[in-house]
Amino acid sequence: MTMVLRPPRALRFLMGMVLAMLAAWSQAQSTPAGPPSPMAQAIRSFVSSHPSIVGRSFEITWRDRQAPWPACASAPGVSLLRKDRPWGQVYLQLECREPGQTWRQTVQVQVAVFGKTWVTKSSLKPGEWVNLNDFEPKVIELSKYKEDLIDDLSVLDGLEVARPLSAGAVVKLNDFKPTSVIKSGDLIKLTLLGQGFEMVTSGQALNDAVIGATVRVRTVEGKALQGKAVGPGKVEAVLD
């Protein structure tokens, strides 16, 4: 027969109290205390009124414990340090200008910003022409991304995919590039423009080009000249 020795009830109670105190202390260390309510309200008001936040939701987390906050009879002024918008990890400067209460103090906060962006419905391959129906809106934490994401999907119209994109990928403008309307070796329609005349002929493109880009062309007569891509398979060249 095996005997199980249990500590006395008083000792068990004492051990439970110690464990509870340790848990509370650990939570206090991992959840930094924020500034007093007037300061916190001033910070929240500043963040919510920033142009980059308007129309979006956000959450503020205090990054570290602050030194004792001095008194201020009115809401302190708040300004942003080191960044141009209060996204992600930011430093804010609080300043009180009340008579006899003049002080400045820096607070470090983490601002999570949420809003709508666009993601792919299915995987996309490089070189594919953009179809706006291939994307759908999704609300995400925008502040996790270092670069600006796409608000208006119409900016992708006329572009092509520049890199592989998996289904559900958050799309960024540098994932796309202008579509080449002319490929090297293409037979193109060449419009020659001069003073008082216009002539349409054909030629062969010697390089890829997007609309508005320069295209080197070899005419049917074998001459080489430069023109401007004005549409799919169309080049205009101005003759002096």
C-alpha atoms as a PDB file:
ATOM      1  CA  MET A   1       0.000   0.000   0.000  1.00  0.00           C
ATOM      2  CA  THR A   2       1.399   3.353  -1.041  1.00  0.00           C
ATOM      3  CA  MET A   3       0.997   6.332   1.268  1.00  0.00           C
ATOM      4  CA  VAL A   4       0.715   9.859  -0.163  1.00  0.00           C
ATOM      5  CA  LEU A   5       2.025  12.550   2.130  1.00  0.00           C
ATOM      6  CA  ARG A   6       0.225  15.891   1.760  1.00  0.00           C
ATOM      7  CA  PRO A   7       1.438  19.115   3.360  1.00  0.00           C
ATOM      8  CA  PRO A   8      -0.674  20.565   6.166  1.00  0.00           C
ATOM      9  CA  ARG A   9      -3.663  22.694   5.135  1.00  0.00           C
ATOM     10  CA  ALA A  10      -2.044  25.903   6.405  1.00  0.00           C
ATOM     11  CA  LEU A  11       1.086  25.225   4.349  1.00  0.00           C
ATOM     12  CA  ARG A  12      -0.994  24.517   1.239  1.00  0.00           C
ATOM     13  CA  PHE A  13      -2.855  27.810   1.758  1.00  0.00           C
ATOM     14  CA  LEU A  14       0.429  29.680   2.157  1.00  0.00           C
ATOM     15  CA  MET A  15       1.864  28.086  -1.001  1.00  0.00           C
ATOM     16  CA  GLY A  16      -1.281  29.066  -2.936  1.00  0.00           C
ATOM     17  CA  MET A  17      -0.980  32.672  -1.782  1.00  0.00           C
ATOM     18  CA  VAL A  18       2.660  32.806  -2.862  1.00  0.00           C
ATOM     19  CA  LEU A  19       1.849  31.395  -6.307  1.00  0.00           C
ATOM     20  CA  ALA A  20      -0.998  33.879  -6.752  1.00  0.00           C
ATOM     21  CA  MET A  21       1.287  36.778  -5.794  1.00  0.00           C
ATOM     22  CA  LEU A  22       3.937  35.583  -8.258  1.00  0.00           C
ATOM     23  CA  ALA A  23       1.352  35.329 -11.045  1.00  0.00           C
ATOM     24  CA  ALA A  24       0.065  38.843 -10.331  1.00  0.00           C
ATOM     25  CA  TRP A  25       3.617  40.207 -10.261  1.00  0.00           C
ATOM     26  CA  SER A  26       4.432  38.482 -13.564  1.00  0.00           C
ATOM     27  CA  GLN A  27       1.323  39.921 -15.211  1.00  0.00           C
ATOM     28  CA  ALA A  28       2.178  43.389 -13.949  1.00  0.00           C
ATOM     29  CA  GLN A  29       5.638  43.089 -15.475  1.00  0.00           C
ATOM     30  CA  SER A  30       4.292  41.990 -18.859  1.00  0.00           C
ATOM     31  CA  THR A  31       1.502  44.598 -18.962  1.00  0.00           C
ATOM     32  CA  PRO A  32       3.153  48.008 -18.624  1.00  0.00           C
ATOM     33  CA  ALA A  33       1.186  50.669 -16.810  1.00  0.00           C
ATOM     34  CA  GLY A  34       0.141  53.580 -18.971  1.00  0.00           C
ATOM     35  CA  PRO A  35       0.073  57.256 -18.049  1.00  0.00           C
ATOM     36  CA  PRO A  36      -2.715  58.709 -15.903  1.00  0.00           C
ATOM     37  CA  SER A  37      -6.097  59.186 -17.540  1.00  0.00           C
ATOM     38  CA  PRO A  38      -5.696  62.852 -18.677  1.00  0.00           C
ATOM     39  CA  MET A  39      -2.394  62.027 -20.401  1.00  0.00           C
ATOM     40  CA  ALA A  40      -3.814  58.825 -21.919  1.00  0.00           C
ATOM     41  CA  GLN A  41      -6.822  60.741 -23.229  1.00  0.00           C
ATOM     42  CA  ALA A  42      -4.552  63.391 -24.780  1.00  0.00           C
ATOM     43  CA  ILE A  43      -2.509  60.673 -26.512  1.00  0.00           C
ATOM     44  CA  ARG A  44      -5.624  58.891 -27.788  1.00  0.00           C
ATOM     45  CA  SER A  45      -7.080  62.175 -29.050  1.00  0.00           C
ATOM     46  CA  PHE A  46      -3.840  63.007 -30.872  1.00  0.00           C
ATOM     47  CA  VAL A  47      -3.632  59.588 -32.527  1.00  0.00           C
ATOM     48  CA  SER A  48      -7.310  59.486 -33.532  1.00  0.00           C
ATOM     49  CA  SER A  49      -7.135  62.936 -35.182  1.00  0.00           C
ATOM     50  CA  HIS A  50      -4.000  62.201 -37.220  1.00  0.00           C
ATOM     51  CA  PRO A  51      -4.773  62.276 -40.991  1.00  0.00           C
ATOM     52  CA  SER A  52      -3.335  58.767 -41.491  1.00  0.00           C
ATOM     53  CA  ILE A  53      -5.709  57.338 -38.849  1.00  0.00           C
ATOM     54  CA  VAL A  54      -8.966  59.077 -39.773  1.00  0.00           C
ATOM     55  CA  GLY A  55     -11.507  56.478 -40.919  1.00  0.00           C
ATOM     56  CA  ARG A  56      -9.497  53.601 -39.441  1.00  0.00           C
ATOM     57  CA  SER A  57      -9.606  51.848 -36.082  1.00  0.00           C
ATOM     58  CA  PHE A  58      -6.576  51.564 -33.827  1.00  0.00           C
ATOM     59  CA  GLU A  59      -5.341  50.177 -30.510  1.00  0.00           C
ATOM     60  CA  ILE A  60      -2.691  51.683 -28.238  1.00  0.00           C
ATOM     61  CA  THR A  61      -0.383  49.571 -26.073  1.00  0.00           C
ATOM     62  CA  TRP A  62       1.981  51.184 -23.583  1.00  0.00           C
ATOM     63  CA  ARG A  63       5.437  49.839 -24.387  1.00  0.00           C
ATOM     64  CA  ASP A  64       7.187  50.441 -21.074  1.00  0.00           C
ATOM     65  CA  ARG A  65       6.682  51.698 -17.560  1.00  0.00           C
ATOM     66  CA  GLN A  66       6.924  55.448 -17.308  1.00  0.00           C
ATOM     67  CA  ALA A  67       8.583  57.612 -14.696  1.00  0.00           C
ATOM     68  CA  PRO A  68       6.178  59.361 -12.298  1.00  0.00           C
ATOM     69  CA  TRP A  69       4.041  61.770 -14.282  1.00  0.00           C
ATOM     70  CA  PRO A  70       4.063  65.400 -13.096  1.00  0.00           C
ATOM     71  CA  ALA A  71       0.797  67.231 -12.663  1.00  0.00           C
ATOM     72  CA  CYS A  72      -0.770  69.330 -15.416  1.00  0.00           C
ATOM     73  CA  ALA A  73      -3.912  71.397 -14.893  1.00  0.00           C
ATOM     74  CA  SER A  74      -4.961  70.936 -18.531  1.00  0.00           C
ATOM     75  CA  ALA A  75      -4.488  68.299 -21.192  1.00  0.00           C
ATOM     76  CA  PRO A  76      -0.829  68.297 -22.290  1.00  0.00           C
ATOM     77  CA  GLY A  77       0.162  68.940 -25.883  1.00  0.00           C
ATOM     78  CA  VAL A  78       1.217  65.872 -27.858  1.00  0.00           C
ATOM     79  CA  SER A  79       3.660  65.737 -30.773  1.00  0.00           C
ATOM     80  CA  LEU A  80       5.159  62.907 -32.795  1.00  0.00           C
ATOM     81  CA  LEU A  81       8.881  62.180 -32.723  1.00  0.00           C
ATOM     82  CA  ARG A  82      11.011  60.423 -35.395  1.00  0.00           C
ATOM     83  CA  LYS A  83       8.087  59.450 -37.669  1.00  0.00           C
ATOM     84  CA  ASP A  84       5.567  61.160 -39.904  1.00  0.00           C
ATOM     85  CA  ARG A  85       2.607  59.094 -38.691  1.00  0.00           C
ATOM     86  CA  PRO A  86       1.720  57.294 -35.429  1.00  0.00           C
ATOM     87  CA  TRP A  87       1.837  53.712 -36.733  1.00  0.00           C
ATOM     88  CA  GLY A  88       3.596  50.807 -35.041  1.00  0.00           C
ATOM     89  CA  GLN A  89       6.200  51.645 -32.422  1.00  0.00           C
ATOM     90  CA  VAL A  90       6.282  55.404 -31.941  1.00  0.00           C
ATOM     91  CA  TYR A  91       7.637  57.989 -29.521  1.00  0.00           C
ATOM     92  CA  LEU A  92       5.347  60.806 -28.468  1.00  0.00           C
ATOM     93  CA  GLN A  93       6.352  63.952 -26.622  1.00  0.00           C
ATOM     94  CA  LEU A  94       3.933  65.308 -24.044  1.00  0.00           C
ATOM     95  CA  GLU A  95       4.309  68.931 -22.996  1.00  0.00           C
ATOM     96  CA  CYS A  96       2.554  70.900 -20.263  1.00  0.00           C
ATOM     97  CA  ARG A  97       2.628  74.702 -20.533  1.00  0.00           C
ATOM     98  CA  GLU A  98       0.609  75.577 -17.441  1.00  0.00           C
ATOM     99  CA  PRO A  99       2.187  78.226 -15.146  1.00  0.00           C
ATOM    100  CA  GLY A 100       4.302  76.461 -12.570  1.00  0.00           C
ATOM    101  CA  GLN A 101       3.757  73.122 -14.336  1.00  0.00           C
ATOM    102  CA  THR A 102       6.046  73.427 -17.344  1.00  0.00           C
ATOM    103  CA  TRP A 103       7.478  70.078 -18.342  1.00  0.00           C
ATOM    104  CA  ARG A 104       8.158  67.735 -21.266  1.00  0.00           C
ATOM    105  CA  GLN A 105       8.150  63.965 -21.191  1.00  0.00           C
ATOM    106  CA  THR A 106       8.539  61.262 -23.845  1.00  0.00           C
ATOM    107  CA  VAL A 107       6.342  58.178 -23.934  1.00  0.00           C
ATOM    108  CA  GLN A 108       6.835  55.084 -26.092  1.00  0.00           C
ATOM    109  CA  VAL A 109       3.663  53.430 -27.377  1.00  0.00           C
ATOM    110  CA  GLN A 110       2.671  50.756 -29.863  1.00  0.00           C
ATOM    111  CA  VAL A 111      -0.160  51.795 -32.178  1.00  0.00           C
ATOM    112  CA  ALA A 112      -1.876  48.998 -34.117  1.00  0.00           C
ATOM    113  CA  VAL A 113      -3.823  50.453 -37.059  1.00  0.00           C
ATOM    114  CA  PHE A 114      -6.573  48.473 -38.781  1.00  0.00           C
ATOM    115  CA  GLY A 115      -8.204  49.138 -42.141  1.00  0.00           C
ATOM    116  CA  LYS A 116      -9.246  47.787 -45.512  1.00  0.00           C
ATOM    117  CA  THR A 117      -6.799  46.701 -48.161  1.00  0.00           C
ATOM    118  CA  TRP A 118      -6.860  44.204 -51.034  1.00  0.00           C
ATOM    119  CA  VAL A 119      -5.818  40.543 -51.220  1.00  0.00           C
ATOM    120  CA  THR A 120      -5.664  38.047 -54.064  1.00  0.00           C
ATOM    121  CA  LYS A 121      -8.525  35.577 -54.510  1.00  0.00           C
ATOM    122  CA  SER A 122      -6.220  33.029 -56.159  1.00  0.00           C
ATOM    123  CA  SER A 123      -2.538  32.700 -57.060  1.00  0.00           C
ATOM    124  CA  LEU A 124      -1.197  35.012 -59.779  1.00  0.00           C
ATOM    125  CA  LYS A 125       1.820  34.493 -62.031  1.00  0.00           C
ATOM    126  CA  PRO A 126       4.327  37.060 -63.312  1.00  0.00           C
ATOM    127  CA  GLY A 127       3.357  38.497 -66.687  1.00  0.00           C
ATOM    128  CA  GLU A 128      -0.392  38.087 -66.166  1.00  0.00           C
ATOM    129  CA  TRP A 129      -2.468  41.147 -66.974  1.00  0.00           C
ATOM    130  CA  VAL A 130      -4.261  42.531 -63.956  1.00  0.00           C
ATOM    131  CA  ASN A 131      -7.929  41.647 -63.727  1.00  0.00           C
ATOM    132  CA  LEU A 132      -9.562  43.693 -60.978  1.00  0.00           C
ATOM    133  CA  ASN A 133     -11.925  40.779 -60.285  1.00  0.00           C
ATOM    134  CA  ASP A 134      -8.918  38.769 -59.038  1.00  0.00           C
ATOM    135  CA  PHE A 135      -8.888  40.766 -55.780  1.00  0.00           C
ATOM    136  CA  GLU A 136     -11.162  41.184 -52.776  1.00  0.00           C
ATOM    137  CA  PRO A 137     -11.166  43.586 -49.813  1.00  0.00           C
ATOM    138  CA  LYS A 138     -10.020  42.529 -46.366  1.00  0.00           C
ATOM    139  CA  VAL A 139      -9.563  44.339 -43.053  1.00  0.00           C
ATOM    140  CA  ILE A 140      -6.086  43.720 -41.613  1.00  0.00           C
ATOM    141  CA  GLU A 141      -3.545  45.342 -39.293  1.00  0.00           C
ATOM    142  CA  LEU A 142      -2.035  47.848 -41.703  1.00  0.00           C
ATOM    143  CA  SER A 143       0.705  48.926 -39.295  1.00  0.00           C
ATOM    144  CA  LYS A 144       2.466  45.561 -39.694  1.00  0.00           C
ATOM    145  CA  TYR A 145       3.557  46.585 -43.195  1.00  0.00           C
ATOM    146  CA  LYS A 146       6.435  48.983 -43.802  1.00  0.00           C
ATOM    147  CA  GLU A 147       5.129  50.199 -47.151  1.00  0.00           C
ATOM    148  CA  ASP A 148       1.816  51.739 -48.068  1.00  0.00           C
ATOM    149  CA  LEU A 149      -0.807  49.249 -49.127  1.00  0.00           C
ATOM    150  CA  ILE A 150      -3.411  49.800 -51.824  1.00  0.00           C
ATOM    151  CA  ASP A 151      -6.545  51.759 -50.935  1.00  0.00           C
ATOM    152  CA  ASP A 152      -7.956  52.250 -54.436  1.00  0.00           C
ATOM    153  CA  LEU A 153      -7.820  49.110 -56.591  1.00  0.00           C
ATOM    154  CA  SER A 154      -8.109  51.175 -59.786  1.00  0.00           C
ATOM    155  CA  VAL A 155      -4.399  52.069 -59.544  1.00  0.00           C
ATOM    156  CA  LEU A 156      -3.677  48.503 -60.746  1.00  0.00           C
ATOM    157  CA  ASP A 157      -5.693  48.902 -63.935  1.00  0.00           C
ATOM    158  CA  GLY A 158      -3.449  48.419 -66.978  1.00  0.00           C
ATOM    159  CA  LEU A 159      -0.599  46.825 -65.016  1.00  0.00           C
ATOM    160  CA  GLU A 160       0.771  43.291 -65.034  1.00  0.00           C
ATOM    161  CA  VAL A 161       1.919  40.987 -62.235  1.00  0.00           C
ATOM    162  CA  ALA A 162       5.630  41.435 -61.500  1.00  0.00           C
ATOM    163  CA  ARG A 163       6.192  38.573 -59.029  1.00  0.00           C
ATOM    164  CA  PRO A 164       4.406  35.371 -57.976  1.00  0.00           C
ATOM    165  CA  LEU A 165       1.480  36.024 -55.621  1.00  0.00           C
ATOM    166  CA  SER A 166      -0.183  33.263 -53.619  1.00  0.00           C
ATOM    167  CA  ALA A 167      -3.897  33.155 -52.861  1.00  0.00           C
ATOM    168  CA  GLY A 168      -4.797  35.496 -50.008  1.00  0.00           C
ATOM    169  CA  ALA A 169      -1.625  37.603 -50.409  1.00  0.00           C
ATOM    170  CA  VAL A 170      -1.842  41.248 -49.387  1.00  0.00           C
ATOM    171  CA  VAL A 171      -1.048  43.165 -52.571  1.00  0.00           C
ATOM    172  CA  LYS A 172       1.375  46.086 -52.757  1.00  0.00           C
ATOM    173  CA  LEU A 173       1.997  48.440 -55.627  1.00  0.00           C
ATOM    174  CA  ASN A 174       5.520  47.105 -56.211  1.00  0.00           C
ATOM    175  CA  ASP A 175       4.020  43.642 -56.848  1.00  0.00           C
ATOM    176  CA  PHE A 176       3.011  45.000 -60.263  1.00  0.00           C
ATOM    177  CA  LYS A 177       4.571  46.829 -63.186  1.00  0.00           C
ATOM    178  CA  PRO A 178       3.386  48.641 -66.315  1.00  0.00           C
ATOM    179  CA  THR A 179       2.230  46.316 -69.060  1.00  0.00           C
ATOM    180  CA  SER A 180       4.423  46.119 -72.143  1.00  0.00           C
ATOM    181  CA  VAL A 181       2.229  47.043 -75.111  1.00  0.00           C
ATOM    182  CA  ILE A 182       5.072  46.241 -77.508  1.00  0.00           C
ATOM    183  CA  LYS A 183       7.472  43.300 -77.405  1.00  0.00           C
ATOM    184  CA  SER A 184      10.840  43.077 -79.122  1.00  0.00           C
ATOM    185  CA  GLY A 185      10.385  41.470 -82.558  1.00  0.00           C
ATOM    186  CA  ASP A 186       6.711  42.485 -82.870  1.00  0.00           C
ATOM    187  CA  LEU A 187       5.439  43.746 -86.212  1.00  0.00           C
ATOM    188  CA  ILE A 188       4.064  47.178 -85.368  1.00  0.00           C
ATOM    189  CA  LYS A 189       1.999  49.888 -86.997  1.00  0.00           C
ATOM    190  CA  LEU A 190       4.298  52.873 -87.503  1.00  0.00           C
ATOM    191  CA  THR A 191       2.949  56.379 -87.951  1.00  0.00           C
ATOM    192  CA  LEU A 192       5.474  58.882 -89.309  1.00  0.00           C
ATOM    193  CA  LEU A 193       4.697  62.499 -88.479  1.00  0.00           C
ATOM    194  CA  GLY A 194       6.358  65.487 -90.130  1.00  0.00           C
ATOM    195  CA  GLN A 195       5.643  69.102 -90.884  1.00  0.00           C
ATOM    196  CA  GLY A 196       2.470  69.001 -92.938  1.00  0.00           C
ATOM    197  CA  PHE A 197       2.314  65.271 -93.539  1.00  0.00           C
ATOM    198  CA  GLU A 198       1.457  61.967 -91.878  1.00  0.00           C
ATOM    199  CA  MET A 199       2.257  58.528 -93.241  1.00  0.00           C
ATOM    200  CA  VAL A 200       1.350  55.108 -91.879  1.00  0.00           C
ATOM    201  CA  THR A 201       3.627  52.164 -92.542  1.00  0.00           C
ATOM    202  CA  SER A 202       4.881  49.129 -90.667  1.00  0.00           C
ATOM    203  CA  GLY A 203       8.079  48.093 -88.958  1.00  0.00           C
ATOM    204  CA  GLN A 204       9.635  45.754 -86.450  1.00  0.00           C
ATOM    205  CA  ALA A 205      10.096  46.677 -82.801  1.00  0.00           C
ATOM    206  CA  LEU A 206      13.625  46.209 -81.488  1.00  0.00           C
ATOM    207  CA  ASN A 207      12.779  46.449 -77.773  1.00  0.00           C
ATOM    208  CA  ASP A 208       9.930  46.020 -75.297  1.00  0.00           C
ATOM    209  CA  ALA A 209       8.026  49.158 -74.330  1.00  0.00           C
ATOM    210  CA  VAL A 210       5.154  50.368 -72.190  1.00  0.00           C
ATOM    211  CA  ILE A 211       2.863  53.191 -73.308  1.00  0.00           C
ATOM    212  CA  GLY A 212       4.833  56.427 -73.607  1.00  0.00           C
ATOM    213  CA  ALA A 213       8.218  54.707 -73.699  1.00  0.00           C
ATOM    214  CA  THR A 214      10.762  54.987 -76.498  1.00  0.00           C
ATOM    215  CA  VAL A 215      10.781  52.215 -79.100  1.00  0.00           C
ATOM    216  CA  ARG A 216      13.531  51.487 -81.575  1.00  0.00           C
ATOM    217  CA  VAL A 217      12.022  50.441 -84.895  1.00  0.00           C
ATOM    218  CA  ARG A 218      13.402  48.968 -88.118  1.00  0.00           C
ATOM    219  CA  THR A 219      11.241  50.035 -91.060  1.00  0.00           C
ATOM    220  CA  VAL A 220      10.336  47.834 -94.028  1.00  0.00           C
ATOM    221  CA  GLU A 221      13.041  49.709 -95.942  1.00  0.00           C
ATOM    222  CA  GLY A 222      15.613  48.629 -93.363  1.00  0.00           C
ATOM    223  CA  LYS A 223      16.070  52.044 -91.752  1.00  0.00           C
ATOM    224  CA  ALA A 224      16.369  52.340 -87.984  1.00  0.00           C
ATOM    225  CA  LEU A 225      14.560  55.087 -86.102  1.00  0.00           C
ATOM    226  CA  GLN A 226      13.027  55.859 -82.730  1.00  0.00           C
ATOM    227  CA  GLY A 227       9.421  56.505 -81.863  1.00  0.00           C
ATOM    228  CA  LYS A 228       7.015  56.463 -78.933  1.00  0.00           C
ATOM    229  CA  ALA A 229       4.677  53.623 -78.004  1.00  0.00           C
ATOM    230  CA  VAL A 230       1.132  55.021 -78.117  1.00  0.00           C
ATOM    231  CA  GLY A 231      -0.849  51.771 -77.810  1.00  0.00           C
ATOM    232  CA  PRO A 232      -0.668  48.005 -78.295  1.00  0.00           C
ATOM    233  CA  GLY A 233       1.414  47.477 -81.427  1.00  0.00           C
ATOM    234  CA  LYS A 234       1.360  51.199 -82.299  1.00  0.00           C
ATOM    235  CA  VAL A 235       4.335  53.567 -82.565  1.00  0.00           C
ATOM    236  CA  GLU A 236       4.544  57.210 -83.557  1.00  0.00           C
ATOM    237  CA  ALA A 237       7.765  58.780 -84.814  1.00  0.00           C
ATOM    238  CA  VAL A 238       8.298  62.474 -85.463  1.00  0.00           C
ATOM    239  CA  LEU A 239      10.588  63.252 -88.390  1.00  0.00           C
ATOM    240  CA  ASP A 240      12.648  66.433 -88.366  1.00  0.00           C
END
